[in-house]
Protein backbone atom coordinates (compact mmCIF):
# COMPACT_ATOMS: atom_id res chain seq x y z
CA UNK A 1 1.83 -22.54 -6.86
CA UNK A 2 5.53 -20.72 -8.76
CA UNK A 3 8.55 -23.59 -9.01
CA UNK A 4 11.80 -22.92 -10.39
CA UNK A 5 14.63 -25.60 -10.86
CA UNK A 6 17.73 -24.09 -10.95
CA UNK A 7 21.08 -25.45 -11.89
CA UNK A 8 24.75 -23.45 -11.34
CA UNK A 9 26.05 -21.84 -14.68
CA UNK A 10 28.81 -20.08 -13.82
CA UNK A 11 30.31 -17.75 -16.46
CA UNK A 12 32.88 -14.93 -16.42
CA UNK A 13 31.81 -11.53 -16.62
CA UNK A 14 35.18 -10.19 -16.29
CA UNK A 15 37.97 -11.59 -15.42
CA UNK A 16 38.07 -11.06 -12.02
CA UNK A 17 34.23 -11.80 -11.23
CA UNK A 18 32.45 -15.08 -11.95
CA UNK A 19 28.40 -15.31 -11.22
CA UNK A 20 25.54 -16.65 -12.91
CA UNK A 21 22.41 -18.58 -12.59
CA UNK A 22 20.14 -20.14 -15.35
CA UNK A 23 16.45 -21.43 -14.10
CA UNK A 24 14.15 -23.03 -15.79
CA UNK A 25 10.36 -21.77 -14.94
CA UNK A 26 7.16 -23.15 -14.68
CA UNK A 27 4.42 -20.59 -14.10
CA UNK A 28 0.94 -20.27 -13.30
CA UNK A 29 -1.04 -18.64 -15.38
CA UNK A 30 -3.93 -16.66 -15.08
CA UNK A 31 -6.62 -19.42 -14.96
CA UNK A 32 -4.07 -21.64 -12.33
CA UNK A 33 -2.89 -23.85 -14.95
CA UNK A 34 0.98 -24.42 -14.67
CA UNK A 35 2.81 -23.30 -17.90
CA UNK A 36 6.23 -24.36 -18.62
CA UNK A 37 8.86 -21.42 -20.15
CA UNK A 38 12.51 -21.01 -20.12
CA UNK A 39 14.07 -18.04 -17.56
CA UNK A 40 17.52 -16.96 -17.86
CA UNK A 41 17.77 -14.99 -14.04
CA UNK A 42 20.91 -13.66 -13.06
CA UNK A 43 21.65 -13.68 -9.61
CA UNK A 44 23.23 -9.87 -8.84
CA UNK A 45 26.06 -9.15 -6.32
CA UNK A 46 23.87 -8.68 -3.41
CA UNK A 47 22.39 -12.07 -3.92
CA UNK A 48 19.20 -11.31 -5.16
CA UNK A 49 16.93 -12.25 -7.92
CA UNK A 50 13.73 -10.76 -9.55
CA UNK A 51 10.57 -12.68 -10.22
CA UNK A 52 8.91 -10.27 -12.30
CA UNK A 53 6.56 -7.36 -10.91
CA UNK A 54 3.87 -9.45 -10.85
CA UNK A 55 5.29 -11.18 -7.50
CA UNK A 56 6.32 -7.96 -6.13
CA UNK A 57 5.51 -6.86 -2.35
CA UNK A 58 4.24 -10.83 -2.52
CA UNK A 59 5.88 -13.44 0.49
CA UNK A 60 7.03 -16.36 -1.06
CA UNK A 61 8.20 -19.63 0.68
CA UNK A 62 11.72 -20.69 -0.41
CA UNK A 63 12.05 -24.69 -0.14
CA UNK A 64 15.93 -25.56 -1.44
CA UNK A 65 16.33 -29.48 -1.01
CA UNK A 66 19.64 -29.15 -2.91
CA UNK A 67 22.21 -26.84 -3.67
CA UNK A 68 20.97 -25.53 -6.88
CA UNK A 69 17.56 -26.55 -6.82
CA UNK A 70 14.39 -23.75 -5.44
CA UNK A 71 11.32 -24.55 -5.38
CA UNK A 72 9.53 -20.54 -4.48
CA UNK A 73 5.90 -20.91 -3.61
CA UNK A 74 3.71 -17.65 -3.31
CA UNK A 75 2.51 -17.65 1.18
CA UNK A 76 0.19 -15.46 2.68
CA UNK A 77 0.90 -14.92 6.06
CA UNK A 78 -1.59 -14.40 9.18
CA UNK A 79 -0.42 -12.47 12.37
CA UNK A 80 0.11 -14.22 15.88
CA UNK A 81 -3.33 -12.26 16.98
CA UNK A 82 -5.10 -13.40 13.85
CA UNK A 83 -3.71 -17.08 14.10
CA UNK A 84 -7.18 -18.29 16.79
CA UNK A 85 -9.50 -17.42 13.62
CA UNK A 86 -8.07 -20.61 11.94
CA UNK A 87 -8.44 -23.33 15.13
CA UNK A 88 -11.34 -25.60 14.01
CA UNK A 89 -13.36 -24.30 16.91
CA UNK A 90 -12.87 -21.05 16.44
CA UNK A 91 -13.69 -21.38 12.82
CA UNK A 92 -16.92 -23.34 13.53
CA UNK A 93 -18.00 -20.45 15.90
CA UNK A 94 -17.38 -18.35 13.20
CA UNK A 95 -19.67 -20.29 10.39
CA UNK A 96 -22.50 -20.37 12.54
CA UNK A 97 -22.70 -16.73 13.57
CA UNK A 98 -22.32 -16.12 10.13
CA UNK A 99 -25.31 -18.30 9.26
CA UNK A 100 -27.12 -16.72 12.16
CA UNK A 101 -26.94 -13.19 10.35
CA UNK A 102 -28.23 -14.71 7.68
CA UNK A 103 -31.33 -16.56 8.41
CA UNK A 104 -34.61 -15.01 9.68
CA UNK A 105 -34.91 -14.49 13.06
CA UNK A 106 -37.56 -16.83 14.99
CA UNK A 107 -40.21 -15.33 16.99
CA UNK A 108 -39.76 -15.45 20.75
CA UNK A 109 -41.94 -16.06 23.66
CA UNK A 110 -41.07 -12.92 25.86
CA UNK A 111 -42.89 -13.85 28.77
CA UNK A 112 -41.43 -17.38 28.62
CA UNK A 113 -37.83 -15.65 28.65
CA UNK A 114 -38.67 -13.17 31.30
CA UNK A 115 -39.90 -16.51 33.40
CA UNK A 116 -36.90 -17.90 32.99
CA UNK A 117 -34.31 -14.60 33.49
CA UNK A 118 -36.14 -14.08 37.17
CA UNK A 119 -35.98 -17.56 38.15
CA UNK A 120 -39.72 -17.95 38.23
């Protein structure tokens, strides 16, 4: 999870325009540990802010609990057509199927199966 706590810091870029945001950032390192570092980012005229190349193309969730405070979390999305796979019943069936393909097949009594299928 990537968190930013930002506070508004308006300063003059030119006499007509004022924009800017200072961010305090806590970043997750490769070991999954949160490391704190101060990061100053400027919000562009279009309202965009760059998080860095390591987050390029990633989906993020942004929670704004109050004006000037953002919590940004990296996220993964699940397509609607695949959402059923994450339901408990489907997940249990998939777990059983994966277990079945890793186990050695048991010997089958083909004569008993034939009788069962023929209804005799």
